[in-house]
Every structure is written in C-alpha cells, then in structure tokens.
Amino acid sequence: MGNFFDFFKKKEILPDDGKIRLTKEEIADQLRLACWDLFISNLPKPKIIDTQRDRNVPAEYKEGVPSGFSISPDTWVTYFNSDDLPDFPTRQDGLDHTRSIGQHENMHFINVPGSKRMHVRLVDAAIKGLQNSQDNRKGEVAHLTVNIFGDWAGDYLLGVDKFGREDFSTITRERIRRTTEQVSKEMKQNGSQHL
C-alpha cells in the first residue's frame, strides 16, 4: 500500500497546470477492467510510465521512454505512457479513455496478430509486398502496416460489432475521436504540411 507520507510526496511533484492526471493505480485498474471486458485472464502486468510523477525512470527505459500505448507481440506486455493521454474535461472521461485504450491493445492479443507466429507471418507478408519500394525502412513500414491493420480490425469489432461483455462502442468511438483530435493538434503545432 505504501507509506502514509507517499500521498503527500506525489502531490508535491505534480505540475500545477490544471490538467486531470490519472494515477498509476487508476490506470492499472482500468487496464484490468479492459481485460475483464474481453474475457482475458492471462496477460502479464502492464508497464505504466508516468514521468510527471516518477523522478527516477526505470533502468529498463535507459534507451528512451516508450511513447504512447502499445502491446508487445513477443511478451504481450502492455506499455502505457500516461504522459501521452489527451486532456479530459472530467476524471470519468479519462478513466473511460484509458479503459478503451486497454481494450484496443488487448484486441491485438485476441485478434490481430493474436500470436507471435502470426505477427511474424504478417510482417513477412508486408515486407514481401514492399519489395519494389525504394524505401530502405521496409521492416519498420511493415511493422507499422501490420499494427494499423490490427488497429482497424480491433476497433471495428469494439466499435461496431459490440465485441466483449457489453457494448463498448460509445467509449471506442470517443477514444478514436479524442485521439484523432490530439494527433491533428500535434501535427498543426509541429507545422505539418499535410493538414
């Protein structure tokens, strides 16, 4: 549980910018609920990164803190960087968004790629499809292509087919809307020519 004074220490190092920030415990609870929602009981404990509160970045991230949210097809560990959550009008919106991210990542475990073997087969097929490409990052592009395909398939099941214990289409569509707005905003701030 922790020391009584831990609560006050965490409070002291939080930036006072008025943003709603979920705790690691709240994030872990939502990721557990996401497993429950999709009838999953055998995923390893997620790795939650919070550089706003953690003064010491774990040694395993010495090469760089992972950004965003992902699940490793090698270990099926979910990586969740809370720094990359968008702003929320309410704490409940933040909890729902986090739960939806967990469901989204879990769909890679359930659906696409579903296994390490299938992941390798899909990446290999994508690389073969890029053989005539002049881009020297074929492996990177192939992994990204497989991930996007898995994202679309999983979000379709969650958002349209009402996959899971209950209907999660509302929080899935809201997560997609918020994520699209956040990416668009970041692209405009970075001066992207594509918007």
C-alpha atoms as a PDB file:
ATOM      1  CA  MET A   1       0.000   0.000   0.000  1.00  0.00           C
ATOM      2  CA  GLY A   2       2.795   2.417   0.775  1.00  0.00           C
ATOM      3  CA  ASN A   3       3.777   4.849   3.430  1.00  0.00           C
ATOM      4  CA  PHE A   4       1.312   7.450   4.748  1.00  0.00           C
ATOM      5  CA  PHE A   5       3.592  10.250   3.511  1.00  0.00           C
ATOM      6  CA  ASP A   6       3.768   8.866  -0.066  1.00  0.00           C
ATOM      7  CA  PHE A   7       0.462  10.569  -0.845  1.00  0.00           C
ATOM      8  CA  PHE A   8       1.918  13.976   0.003  1.00  0.00           C
ATOM      9  CA  LYS A   9       5.175  13.348  -1.871  1.00  0.00           C
ATOM     10  CA  LYS A  10       3.275  12.572  -5.064  1.00  0.00           C
ATOM     11  CA  LYS A  11       1.229  15.737  -4.669  1.00  0.00           C
ATOM     12  CA  GLU A  12       4.334  17.873  -4.326  1.00  0.00           C
ATOM     13  CA  ILE A  13       5.886  16.931  -7.669  1.00  0.00           C
ATOM     14  CA  LEU A  14       2.775  17.194  -9.839  1.00  0.00           C
ATOM     15  CA  PRO A  15       2.786  20.175 -12.187  1.00  0.00           C
ATOM     16  CA  ASP A  16       0.078  22.685 -11.309  1.00  0.00           C
ATOM     17  CA  ASP A  17      -1.334  23.172 -14.793  1.00  0.00           C
ATOM     18  CA  GLY A  18      -4.956  22.294 -14.001  1.00  0.00           C
ATOM     19  CA  LYS A  19      -4.957  19.127 -16.124  1.00  0.00           C
ATOM     20  CA  ILE A  20      -6.668  15.980 -14.913  1.00  0.00           C
ATOM     21  CA  ARG A  21      -3.977  13.333 -14.371  1.00  0.00           C
ATOM     22  CA  LEU A  22      -4.826   9.755 -13.555  1.00  0.00           C
ATOM     23  CA  THR A  23      -2.713   7.910 -11.010  1.00  0.00           C
ATOM     24  CA  LYS A  24      -0.840   4.735 -11.897  1.00  0.00           C
ATOM     25  CA  GLU A  25      -3.315   2.847  -9.703  1.00  0.00           C
ATOM     26  CA  GLU A  26      -6.300   4.266 -11.611  1.00  0.00           C
ATOM     27  CA  ILE A  27      -4.650   3.366 -14.918  1.00  0.00           C
ATOM     28  CA  ALA A  28      -3.843  -0.165 -13.708  1.00  0.00           C
ATOM     29  CA  ASP A  29      -7.477  -0.600 -12.563  1.00  0.00           C
ATOM     30  CA  GLN A  30      -8.777   0.481 -15.977  1.00  0.00           C
ATOM     31  CA  LEU A  31      -6.368  -1.860 -17.788  1.00  0.00           C
ATOM     32  CA  ARG A  32      -7.556  -4.725 -15.543  1.00  0.00           C
ATOM     33  CA  LEU A  33     -11.166  -3.840 -16.376  1.00  0.00           C
ATOM     34  CA  ALA A  34     -10.262  -3.865 -20.085  1.00  0.00           C
ATOM     35  CA  CYS A  35      -9.046  -7.459 -19.678  1.00  0.00           C
ATOM     36  CA  TRP A  36     -12.218  -8.385 -17.809  1.00  0.00           C
ATOM     37  CA  ASP A  37     -14.329  -6.737 -20.540  1.00  0.00           C
ATOM     38  CA  LEU A  38     -12.790  -9.000 -23.185  1.00  0.00           C
ATOM     39  CA  PHE A  39     -12.655 -12.232 -21.144  1.00  0.00           C
ATOM     40  CA  ILE A  40      -8.843 -12.158 -20.787  1.00  0.00           C
ATOM     41  CA  SER A  41      -7.213 -13.529 -17.656  1.00  0.00           C
ATOM     42  CA  ASN A  42      -3.669 -14.382 -18.691  1.00  0.00           C
ATOM     43  CA  LEU A  43      -1.897 -11.172 -19.759  1.00  0.00           C
ATOM     44  CA  PRO A  44       1.192 -10.077 -17.816  1.00  0.00           C
ATOM     45  CA  LYS A  45       1.069  -6.989 -15.616  1.00  0.00           C
ATOM     46  CA  PRO A  46       1.214  -3.800 -17.740  1.00  0.00           C
ATOM     47  CA  LYS A  47       4.137  -1.365 -17.600  1.00  0.00           C
ATOM     48  CA  ILE A  48       2.775   2.076 -16.737  1.00  0.00           C
ATOM     49  CA  ILE A  49       5.107   5.009 -17.280  1.00  0.00           C
ATOM     50  CA  ASP A  50       4.435   8.365 -15.633  1.00  0.00           C
ATOM     51  CA  THR A  51       7.351  10.770 -15.980  1.00  0.00           C
ATOM     52  CA  GLN A  52       5.289  13.587 -14.429  1.00  0.00           C
ATOM     53  CA  ARG A  53       5.302  11.797 -11.063  1.00  0.00           C
ATOM     54  CA  ASP A  54       8.261   9.412 -11.248  1.00  0.00           C
ATOM     55  CA  ARG A  55      11.544  11.135 -10.604  1.00  0.00           C
ATOM     56  CA  ASN A  56      13.536   8.019 -11.480  1.00  0.00           C
ATOM     57  CA  VAL A  57      12.835   6.427 -14.842  1.00  0.00           C
ATOM     58  CA  PRO A  58      13.174   2.619 -14.569  1.00  0.00           C
ATOM     59  CA  ALA A  59      16.519   1.243 -15.782  1.00  0.00           C
ATOM     60  CA  GLU A  60      14.787  -0.782 -18.500  1.00  0.00           C
ATOM     61  CA  TYR A  61      13.975   2.529 -20.275  1.00  0.00           C
ATOM     62  CA  LYS A  62      17.524   3.911 -20.298  1.00  0.00           C
ATOM     63  CA  GLU A  63      17.435   3.881 -24.118  1.00  0.00           C
ATOM     64  CA  GLY A  64      14.323   6.040 -24.040  1.00  0.00           C
ATOM     65  CA  VAL A  65      10.875   6.049 -22.514  1.00  0.00           C
ATOM     66  CA  PRO A  66       8.331   4.389 -24.812  1.00  0.00           C
ATOM     67  CA  SER A  67       5.754   6.852 -26.074  1.00  0.00           C
ATOM     68  CA  GLY A  68       2.065   6.230 -26.424  1.00  0.00           C
ATOM     69  CA  PHE A  69       0.400   2.906 -25.810  1.00  0.00           C
ATOM     70  CA  SER A  70       1.363  -0.481 -27.192  1.00  0.00           C
ATOM     71  CA  ILE A  71       1.394  -4.212 -26.585  1.00  0.00           C
ATOM     72  CA  SER A  72       4.404  -6.359 -27.388  1.00  0.00           C
ATOM     73  CA  PRO A  73       3.592  -9.413 -29.526  1.00  0.00           C
ATOM     74  CA  ASP A  74       6.729 -11.029 -28.069  1.00  0.00           C
ATOM     75  CA  THR A  75       5.711 -10.804 -24.400  1.00  0.00           C
ATOM     76  CA  TRP A  76       2.099  -9.476 -24.535  1.00  0.00           C
ATOM     77  CA  VAL A  77       3.073  -6.793 -22.014  1.00  0.00           C
ATOM     78  CA  THR A  78       1.079  -3.586 -22.459  1.00  0.00           C
ATOM     79  CA  TYR A  79       3.119  -0.374 -22.284  1.00  0.00           C
ATOM     80  CA  PHE A  80       1.162   2.686 -21.206  1.00  0.00           C
ATOM     81  CA  ASN A  81       2.802   6.127 -21.090  1.00  0.00           C
ATOM     82  CA  SER A  82       0.393   8.330 -19.146  1.00  0.00           C
ATOM     83  CA  ASP A  83       2.212  11.437 -20.408  1.00  0.00           C
ATOM     84  CA  ASP A  84       0.595  10.826 -23.810  1.00  0.00           C
ATOM     85  CA  LEU A  85      -3.005  10.909 -22.595  1.00  0.00           C
ATOM     86  CA  PRO A  86      -5.011  13.813 -24.018  1.00  0.00           C
ATOM     87  CA  ASP A  87      -6.699  16.409 -21.816  1.00  0.00           C
ATOM     88  CA  PHE A  88     -10.077  15.416 -20.361  1.00  0.00           C
ATOM     89  CA  PRO A  89     -12.966  17.556 -19.159  1.00  0.00           C
ATOM     90  CA  THR A  90     -13.702  15.085 -16.333  1.00  0.00           C
ATOM     91  CA  ARG A  91     -11.892  12.317 -14.457  1.00  0.00           C
ATOM     92  CA  GLN A  92     -14.531   9.824 -15.668  1.00  0.00           C
ATOM     93  CA  ASP A  93     -13.720  10.736 -19.290  1.00  0.00           C
ATOM     94  CA  GLY A  94     -10.059   9.959 -18.521  1.00  0.00           C
ATOM     95  CA  LEU A  95     -10.957   6.627 -16.925  1.00  0.00           C
ATOM     96  CA  ASP A  96     -13.169   5.637 -19.882  1.00  0.00           C
ATOM     97  CA  HIS A  97     -10.474   6.656 -22.373  1.00  0.00           C
ATOM     98  CA  THR A  98      -7.846   4.619 -20.507  1.00  0.00           C
ATOM     99  CA  ARG A  99     -10.129   1.580 -20.372  1.00  0.00           C
ATOM    100  CA  SER A 100     -10.769   1.905 -24.089  1.00  0.00           C
ATOM    101  CA  ILE A 101      -7.018   2.071 -24.800  1.00  0.00           C
ATOM    102  CA  GLY A 102      -6.630  -1.146 -22.788  1.00  0.00           C
ATOM    103  CA  GLN A 103      -9.375  -2.808 -24.820  1.00  0.00           C
ATOM    104  CA  HIS A 104      -7.755  -1.566 -28.038  1.00  0.00           C
ATOM    105  CA  GLU A 105      -4.350  -3.024 -27.110  1.00  0.00           C
ATOM    106  CA  ASN A 106      -5.963  -6.267 -25.906  1.00  0.00           C
ATOM    107  CA  MET A 107      -7.566  -6.699 -29.332  1.00  0.00           C
ATOM    108  CA  HIS A 108      -4.051  -7.220 -30.736  1.00  0.00           C
ATOM    109  CA  PHE A 109      -3.722 -10.152 -28.304  1.00  0.00           C
ATOM    110  CA  ILE A 110      -7.149 -11.554 -29.218  1.00  0.00           C
ATOM    111  CA  ASN A 111      -7.445 -10.749 -32.892  1.00  0.00           C
ATOM    112  CA  VAL A 112      -4.600  -9.315 -34.987  1.00  0.00           C
ATOM    113  CA  PRO A 113      -1.923 -10.529 -34.743  1.00  0.00           C
ATOM    114  CA  GLY A 114      -3.195 -12.850 -31.976  1.00  0.00           C
ATOM    115  CA  SER A 115       0.111 -14.719 -31.668  1.00  0.00           C
ATOM    116  CA  LYS A 116       3.812 -14.134 -32.120  1.00  0.00           C
ATOM    117  CA  ARG A 117       3.823 -16.602 -35.023  1.00  0.00           C
ATOM    118  CA  MET A 118       1.016 -14.755 -36.832  1.00  0.00           C
ATOM    119  CA  HIS A 119       2.756 -11.440 -36.201  1.00  0.00           C
ATOM    120  CA  VAL A 120       5.923 -12.741 -37.890  1.00  0.00           C
ATOM    121  CA  ARG A 121       3.889 -14.109 -40.819  1.00  0.00           C
ATOM    122  CA  LEU A 122       2.034 -10.803 -41.307  1.00  0.00           C
ATOM    123  CA  VAL A 123       5.220  -8.723 -41.116  1.00  0.00           C
ATOM    124  CA  ASP A 124       6.924 -11.097 -43.579  1.00  0.00           C
ATOM    125  CA  ALA A 125       3.982 -10.736 -45.992  1.00  0.00           C
ATOM    126  CA  ALA A 126       4.095  -6.942 -45.663  1.00  0.00           C
ATOM    127  CA  ILE A 127       7.850  -6.893 -46.350  1.00  0.00           C
ATOM    128  CA  LYS A 128       7.323  -9.025 -49.464  1.00  0.00           C
ATOM    129  CA  GLY A 129       4.661  -6.559 -50.590  1.00  0.00           C
ATOM    130  CA  LEU A 130       7.217  -3.756 -50.255  1.00  0.00           C
ATOM    131  CA  GLN A 131       9.958  -5.451 -52.318  1.00  0.00           C
ATOM    132  CA  ASN A 132       9.682  -2.935 -55.165  1.00  0.00           C
ATOM    133  CA  SER A 133       9.745   0.015 -52.773  1.00  0.00           C
ATOM    134  CA  GLN A 134      12.799   2.279 -52.769  1.00  0.00           C
ATOM    135  CA  ASP A 135      12.340   2.974 -49.048  1.00  0.00           C
ATOM    136  CA  ASN A 136      15.151   1.407 -47.011  1.00  0.00           C
ATOM    137  CA  ARG A 137      12.899   1.144 -43.925  1.00  0.00           C
ATOM    138  CA  LYS A 138      10.835  -1.801 -45.208  1.00  0.00           C
ATOM    139  CA  GLY A 139      10.864  -3.614 -41.855  1.00  0.00           C
ATOM    140  CA  GLU A 140       9.693  -0.509 -39.996  1.00  0.00           C
ATOM    141  CA  VAL A 141       6.967   0.171 -42.569  1.00  0.00           C
ATOM    142  CA  ALA A 142       5.889  -3.496 -42.490  1.00  0.00           C
ATOM    143  CA  HIS A 143       5.520  -3.457 -38.672  1.00  0.00           C
ATOM    144  CA  LEU A 144       3.554  -0.208 -38.847  1.00  0.00           C
ATOM    145  CA  THR A 145       1.295  -1.631 -41.572  1.00  0.00           C
ATOM    146  CA  VAL A 146       0.537  -4.759 -39.546  1.00  0.00           C
ATOM    147  CA  ASN A 147      -0.171  -2.626 -36.460  1.00  0.00           C
ATOM    148  CA  ILE A 148      -2.553  -0.329 -38.337  1.00  0.00           C
ATOM    149  CA  PHE A 149      -4.355  -3.323 -39.824  1.00  0.00           C
ATOM    150  CA  GLY A 150      -4.720  -4.781 -36.316  1.00  0.00           C
ATOM    151  CA  ASP A 151      -5.940  -1.397 -35.027  1.00  0.00           C
ATOM    152  CA  TRP A 152      -8.646  -1.188 -37.671  1.00  0.00           C
ATOM    153  CA  ALA A 153      -9.794  -4.779 -37.192  1.00  0.00           C
ATOM    154  CA  GLY A 154      -9.889  -4.472 -33.392  1.00  0.00           C
ATOM    155  CA  ASP A 155     -11.590  -1.077 -33.323  1.00  0.00           C
ATOM    156  CA  TYR A 156     -14.170  -2.317 -35.825  1.00  0.00           C
ATOM    157  CA  LEU A 157     -15.058  -5.199 -33.528  1.00  0.00           C
ATOM    158  CA  LEU A 158     -15.177  -2.956 -30.450  1.00  0.00           C
ATOM    159  CA  GLY A 159     -16.935  -0.005 -32.086  1.00  0.00           C
ATOM    160  CA  VAL A 160     -19.329  -1.638 -34.499  1.00  0.00           C
ATOM    161  CA  ASP A 161     -19.755  -5.316 -33.647  1.00  0.00           C
ATOM    162  CA  LYS A 162     -20.151  -4.682 -29.896  1.00  0.00           C
ATOM    163  CA  PHE A 163     -17.454  -7.236 -29.039  1.00  0.00           C
ATOM    164  CA  GLY A 164     -16.965  -8.171 -25.362  1.00  0.00           C
ATOM    165  CA  ARG A 165     -19.020  -8.418 -22.189  1.00  0.00           C
ATOM    166  CA  GLU A 166     -21.079  -5.352 -23.052  1.00  0.00           C
ATOM    167  CA  ASP A 167     -21.424  -2.636 -25.676  1.00  0.00           C
ATOM    168  CA  PHE A 168     -18.226  -0.565 -25.701  1.00  0.00           C
ATOM    169  CA  SER A 169     -18.985   1.233 -28.962  1.00  0.00           C
ATOM    170  CA  THR A 170     -19.513   4.626 -27.280  1.00  0.00           C
ATOM    171  CA  ILE A 171     -16.177   4.719 -25.439  1.00  0.00           C
ATOM    172  CA  THR A 172     -14.409   3.252 -28.505  1.00  0.00           C
ATOM    173  CA  ARG A 173     -15.736   5.961 -30.811  1.00  0.00           C
ATOM    174  CA  GLU A 174     -14.970   8.650 -28.209  1.00  0.00           C
ATOM    175  CA  ARG A 175     -11.373   7.358 -27.857  1.00  0.00           C
ATOM    176  CA  ILE A 176     -10.929   7.430 -31.632  1.00  0.00           C
ATOM    177  CA  ARG A 177     -12.358  10.974 -31.803  1.00  0.00           C
ATOM    178  CA  ARG A 178     -10.105  12.259 -28.987  1.00  0.00           C
ATOM    179  CA  THR A 179      -7.030  10.551 -30.435  1.00  0.00           C
ATOM    180  CA  THR A 180      -7.695  11.970 -33.906  1.00  0.00           C
ATOM    181  CA  GLU A 181      -8.127  15.472 -32.455  1.00  0.00           C
ATOM    182  CA  GLN A 182      -4.903  15.126 -30.417  1.00  0.00           C
ATOM    183  CA  VAL A 183      -2.867  13.935 -33.426  1.00  0.00           C
ATOM    184  CA  SER A 184      -4.308  16.700 -35.613  1.00  0.00           C
ATOM    185  CA  LYS A 185      -3.462  19.319 -32.971  1.00  0.00           C
ATOM    186  CA  GLU A 186       0.098  17.998 -32.606  1.00  0.00           C
ATOM    187  CA  MET A 187       0.603  17.956 -36.376  1.00  0.00           C
ATOM    188  CA  LYS A 188      -0.556  21.590 -36.626  1.00  0.00           C
ATOM    189  CA  GLN A 189       1.737  22.614 -33.754  1.00  0.00           C
ATOM    190  CA  ASN A 190       4.669  20.892 -35.444  1.00  0.00           C
ATOM    191  CA  GLY A 191       3.922  22.649 -38.740  1.00  0.00           C
ATOM    192  CA  SER A 192       2.928  19.570 -40.731  1.00  0.00           C
ATOM    193  CA  GLN A 193       2.326  20.258 -44.416  1.00  0.00           C
ATOM    194  CA  HIS A 194      -0.324  17.526 -44.551  1.00  0.00           C
ATOM    195  CA  LEU A 195      -3.142  19.402 -42.788  1.00  0.00           C
END
